[in-house]
PDB file of N, CA and C in Angstrom:
ATOM      1  N   MET A   1       9.269  34.059 -14.383  1.00  0.00           N
ATOM      2  CA  MET A   1       8.409  33.274 -13.531  1.00  0.00           C
ATOM      3  C   MET A   1       7.102  34.014 -13.242  1.00  0.00           C
ATOM      4  N   ASN A   2       7.149  35.338 -13.213  1.00  0.00           N
ATOM      5  CA  ASN A   2       5.943  36.116 -12.965  1.00  0.00           C
ATOM      6  C   ASN A   2       4.946  35.996 -14.115  1.00  0.00           C
ATOM      7  N   VAL A   3       5.466  35.708 -15.298  1.00  0.00           N
ATOM      8  CA  VAL A   3       4.598  35.562 -16.461  1.00  0.00           C
ATOM      9  C   VAL A   3       3.705  34.334 -16.297  1.00  0.00           C
ATOM     10  N   LEU A   4       4.228  33.279 -15.704  1.00  0.00           N
ATOM     11  CA  LEU A   4       3.442  32.070 -15.503  1.00  0.00           C
ATOM     12  C   LEU A   4       2.260  32.300 -14.556  1.00  0.00           C
ATOM     13  N   VAL A   5       2.412  33.205 -13.638  1.00  0.00           N
ATOM     14  CA  VAL A   5       1.329  33.516 -12.704  1.00  0.00           C
ATOM     15  C   VAL A   5       0.139  34.104 -13.467  1.00  0.00           C
ATOM     16  N   VAL A   6       0.398  34.765 -14.567  1.00  0.00           N
ATOM     17  CA  VAL A   6      -0.661  35.350 -15.372  1.00  0.00           C
ATOM     18  C   VAL A   6      -1.135  34.361 -16.436  1.00  0.00           C
ATOM     19  N   LEU A   7      -0.203  33.685 -17.107  1.00  0.00           N
ATOM     20  CA  LEU A   7      -0.559  32.842 -18.244  1.00  0.00           C
ATOM     21  C   LEU A   7      -1.335  31.585 -17.850  1.00  0.00           C
ATOM     22  N   ILE A   8      -1.022  30.987 -16.730  1.00  0.00           N
ATOM     23  CA  ILE A   8      -1.719  29.761 -16.325  1.00  0.00           C
ATOM     24  C   ILE A   8      -3.201  30.040 -16.035  1.00  0.00           C
ATOM     25  N   PRO A   9      -3.555  31.035 -15.246  1.00  0.00           N
ATOM     26  CA  PRO A   9      -4.993  31.297 -15.061  1.00  0.00           C
ATOM     27  C   PRO A   9      -5.703  31.736 -16.349  1.00  0.00           C
ATOM     28  N   VAL A  10      -5.027  32.504 -17.172  1.00  0.00           N
ATOM     29  CA  VAL A  10      -5.633  32.936 -18.432  1.00  0.00           C
ATOM     30  C   VAL A  10      -5.907  31.731 -19.324  1.00  0.00           C
ATOM     31  N   SER A  11      -4.963  30.797 -19.410  1.00  0.00           N
ATOM     32  CA  SER A  11      -5.177  29.617 -20.243  1.00  0.00           C
ATOM     33  C   SER A  11      -6.278  28.732 -19.673  1.00  0.00           C
ATOM     34  N   LEU A  12      -6.383  28.619 -18.369  1.00  0.00           N
ATOM     35  CA  LEU A  12      -7.463  27.845 -17.764  1.00  0.00           C
ATOM     36  C   LEU A  12      -8.818  28.490 -18.013  1.00  0.00           C
ATOM     37  N   ILE A  13      -8.873  29.801 -17.940  1.00  0.00           N
ATOM     38  CA  ILE A  13     -10.129  30.512 -18.205  1.00  0.00           C
ATOM     39  C   ILE A  13     -10.538  30.341 -19.666  1.00  0.00           C
ATOM     40  N   LEU A  14      -9.599  30.481 -20.585  1.00  0.00           N
ATOM     41  CA  LEU A  14      -9.919  30.308 -22.004  1.00  0.00           C
ATOM     42  C   LEU A  14     -10.340  28.879 -22.319  1.00  0.00           C
ATOM     43  N   GLY A  15      -9.693  27.913 -21.695  1.00  0.00           N
ATOM     44  CA  GLY A  15     -10.099  26.519 -21.874  1.00  0.00           C
ATOM     45  C   GLY A  15     -11.500  26.280 -21.337  1.00  0.00           C
ATOM     46  N   GLY A  16     -11.813  26.875 -20.206  1.00  0.00           N
ATOM     47  CA  GLY A  16     -13.158  26.755 -19.643  1.00  0.00           C
ATOM     48  C   GLY A  16     -14.207  27.395 -20.526  1.00  0.00           C
ATOM     49  N   VAL A  17     -13.885  28.546 -21.105  1.00  0.00           N
ATOM     50  CA  VAL A  17     -14.813  29.212 -22.023  1.00  0.00           C
ATOM     51  C   VAL A  17     -15.047  28.336 -23.254  1.00  0.00           C
ATOM     52  N   GLY A  18     -13.991  27.733 -23.767  1.00  0.00           N
ATOM     53  CA  GLY A  18     -14.143  26.837 -24.912  1.00  0.00           C
ATOM     54  C   GLY A  18     -14.985  25.619 -24.576  1.00  0.00           C
ATOM     55  N   LEU A  19     -14.786  25.055 -23.398  1.00  0.00           N
ATOM     56  CA  LEU A  19     -15.566  23.898 -22.970  1.00  0.00           C
ATOM     57  C   LEU A  19     -17.032  24.264 -22.792  1.00  0.00           C
ATOM     58  N   VAL A  20     -17.300  25.402 -22.191  1.00  0.00           N
ATOM     59  CA  VAL A  20     -18.690  25.855 -22.017  1.00  0.00           C
ATOM     60  C   VAL A  20     -19.334  26.107 -23.377  1.00  0.00           C
ATOM     61  N   GLY A  21     -18.596  26.696 -24.292  1.00  0.00           N
ATOM     62  CA  GLY A  21     -19.138  26.925 -25.636  1.00  0.00           C
ATOM     63  C   GLY A  21     -19.444  25.625 -26.351  1.00  0.00           C
ATOM     64  N   PHE A  22     -18.573  24.650 -26.224  1.00  0.00           N
ATOM     65  CA  PHE A  22     -18.809  23.348 -26.850  1.00  0.00           C
ATOM     66  C   PHE A  22     -20.031  22.671 -26.248  1.00  0.00           C
ATOM     67  N   LEU A  23     -20.137  22.677 -24.938  1.00  0.00           N
ATOM     68  CA  LEU A  23     -21.291  22.056 -24.282  1.00  0.00           C
ATOM     69  C   LEU A  23     -22.583  22.770 -24.658  1.00  0.00           C
ATOM     70  N   TRP A  24     -22.539  24.075 -24.831  1.00  0.00           N
ATOM     71  CA  TRP A  24     -23.725  24.828 -25.253  1.00  0.00           C
ATOM     72  C   TRP A  24     -24.165  24.395 -26.646  1.00  0.00           C
ATOM     73  N   THR A  25     -23.215  24.214 -27.575  1.00  0.00           N
ATOM     74  CA  THR A  25     -23.584  23.790 -28.923  1.00  0.00           C
ATOM     75  C   THR A  25     -24.132  22.372 -28.927  1.00  0.00           C
ATOM     76  N   VAL A  26     -23.610  21.494 -28.079  1.00  0.00           N
ATOM     77  CA  VAL A  26     -24.128  20.129 -28.005  1.00  0.00           C
ATOM     78  C   VAL A  26     -25.548  20.134 -27.456  1.00  0.00           C
ATOM     79  N   ARG A  27     -25.797  20.911 -26.419  1.00  0.00           N
ATOM     80  CA  ARG A  27     -27.133  20.945 -25.814  1.00  0.00           C
ATOM     81  C   ARG A  27     -28.166  21.619 -26.708  1.00  0.00           C
ATOM     82  N   ASN A  28     -27.744  22.483 -27.618  1.00  0.00           N
ATOM     83  CA  ASN A  28     -28.672  23.165 -28.517  1.00  0.00           C
ATOM     84  C   ASN A  28     -28.778  22.472 -29.869  1.00  0.00           C
ATOM     85  N   ALA A  29     -28.379  21.214 -29.930  1.00  0.00           N
ATOM     86  CA  ALA A  29     -28.565  20.346 -31.114  1.00  0.00           C
ATOM     87  C   ALA A  29     -27.892  20.901 -32.366  1.00  0.00           C
ATOM     88  N   GLN A  30     -26.693  21.406 -32.243  1.00  0.00           N
ATOM     89  CA  GLN A  30     -25.975  21.914 -33.404  1.00  0.00           C
ATOM     90  C   GLN A  30     -25.366  20.794 -34.243  1.00  0.00           C
ATOM     91  N   TYR A  31     -25.234  19.591 -33.674  1.00  0.00           N
ATOM     92  CA  TYR A  31     -24.565  18.488 -34.363  1.00  0.00           C
ATOM     93  C   TYR A  31     -25.519  17.338 -34.662  1.00  0.00           C
ATOM     94  N   ASP A  32     -26.813  17.607 -34.779  1.00  0.00           N
ATOM     95  CA  ASP A  32     -27.776  16.533 -34.960  1.00  0.00           C
ATOM     96  C   ASP A  32     -27.709  15.865 -36.324  1.00  0.00           C
ATOM     97  N   ASP A  33     -27.520  16.616 -37.389  1.00  0.00           N
ATOM     98  CA  ASP A  33     -27.598  16.067 -38.738  1.00  0.00           C
ATOM     99  C   ASP A  33     -26.357  16.451 -39.550  1.00  0.00           C
ATOM    100  N   PRO A  34     -25.201  15.875 -39.233  1.00  0.00           N
ATOM    101  CA  PRO A  34     -23.984  16.296 -39.935  1.00  0.00           C
ATOM    102  C   PRO A  34     -23.921  15.855 -41.392  1.00  0.00           C
ATOM    103  N   GLU A  35     -24.607  14.754 -41.748  1.00  0.00           N
ATOM    104  CA  GLU A  35     -24.525  14.267 -43.123  1.00  0.00           C
ATOM    105  C   GLU A  35     -25.728  14.672 -43.965  1.00  0.00           C
ATOM    106  N   GLY A  36     -26.759  15.190 -43.355  1.00  0.00           N
ATOM    107  CA  GLY A  36     -27.980  15.522 -44.082  1.00  0.00           C
ATOM    108  C   GLY A  36     -27.778  16.596 -45.122  1.00  0.00           C
ATOM    109  N   SER A  37     -27.102  17.661 -44.778  1.00  0.00           N
ATOM    110  CA  SER A  37     -26.890  18.754 -45.730  1.00  0.00           C
ATOM    111  C   SER A  37     -25.969  18.324 -46.862  1.00  0.00           C
ATOM    112  N   ALA A  38     -24.988  17.490 -46.546  1.00  0.00           N
ATOM    113  CA  ALA A  38     -24.066  17.033 -47.585  1.00  0.00           C
ATOM    114  C   ALA A  38     -24.783  16.129 -48.583  1.00  0.00           C
ATOM    115  N   ALA A  39     -25.703  15.313 -48.126  1.00  0.00           N
ATOM    116  CA  ALA A  39     -26.432  14.434 -49.030  1.00  0.00           C
ATOM    117  C   ALA A  39     -27.569  15.174 -49.718  1.00  0.00           C
ATOM    118  N   ARG A  40     -28.119  16.170 -49.079  1.00  0.00           N
ATOM    119  CA  ARG A  40     -29.261  16.908 -49.629  1.00  0.00           C
ATOM    120  C   ARG A  40     -28.892  17.671 -50.896  1.00  0.00           C
ATOM    121  N   ILE A  41     -27.648  18.060 -51.026  1.00  0.00           N
ATOM    122  CA  ILE A  41     -27.244  18.815 -52.213  1.00  0.00           C
ATOM    123  C   ILE A  41     -27.258  17.931 -53.466  1.00  0.00           C
ATOM    124  N   LEU A  42     -27.183  16.620 -53.275  1.00  0.00           N
ATOM    125  CA  LEU A  42     -27.176  15.707 -54.412  1.00  0.00           C
ATOM    126  C   LEU A  42     -28.574  15.403 -54.937  1.00  0.00           C
ATOM    127  N   LEU A  43     -29.608  15.717 -54.159  1.00  0.00           N
ATOM    128  CA  LEU A  43     -30.967  15.426 -54.576  1.00  0.00           C
ATOM    129  C   LEU A  43     -31.436  16.443 -55.614  1.00  0.00           C
ATOM    130  N   ASP A  44     -32.183  15.964 -56.588  1.00  0.00           N
ATOM    131  CA  ASP A  44     -32.713  16.833 -57.638  1.00  0.00           C
ATOM    132  C   ASP A  44     -34.151  17.188 -57.284  1.00  0.00           C
ATOM    133  N   ASP A  45     -34.361  18.403 -56.793  1.00  0.00           N
ATOM    134  CA  ASP A  45     -35.683  18.835 -56.382  1.00  0.00           C
ATOM    135  C   ASP A  45     -36.478  19.455 -57.534  1.00  0.00           C
ATOM    136  N   ASP A  46     -35.825  19.806 -58.590  1.00  0.00           N
ATOM    137  CA  ASP A  46     -36.513  20.470 -59.703  1.00  0.00           C
ATOM    138  C   ASP A  46     -37.268  19.455 -60.544  1.00  0.00           C
ATOM    139  N   ALA A  47     -38.470  19.816 -60.919  1.00  0.00           N
ATOM    140  CA  ALA A  47     -39.254  18.954 -61.818  1.00  0.00           C
ATOM    141  C   ALA A  47     -38.719  19.112 -63.236  1.00  0.00           C
ATOM    142  N   PRO A  48     -38.688  18.034 -63.996  1.00  0.00           N
ATOM    143  CA  PRO A  48     -38.205  18.144 -65.381  1.00  0.00           C
ATOM    144  C   PRO A  48     -39.151  18.988 -66.229  1.00  0.00           C
ATOM    145  N   ILE A  49     -38.587  19.773 -67.124  1.00  0.00           N
ATOM    146  CA  ILE A  49     -39.373  20.620 -68.029  1.00  0.00           C
ATOM    147  C   ILE A  49     -39.762  19.790 -69.234  1.00  0.00           C
ATOM    148  N   ASP A  50     -41.078  19.668 -69.484  1.00  0.00           N
ATOM    149  CA  ASP A  50     -41.560  18.875 -70.630  1.00  0.00           C
ATOM    150  C   ASP A  50     -41.984  19.763 -71.762  1.00  0.00           C
TER     151      ASP A  50
END
């Protein structure tokens, strides 16, 4: 039972750290263009050699 006194606050703190990290990535526009890079690799940027 003494283990729960330690594990419950530790799990709440880790969950809070994860939530803060997620909110930080959302506010810093980390998820703005999820499909752009995947589609950009299909584009042919090289000019043809004549």
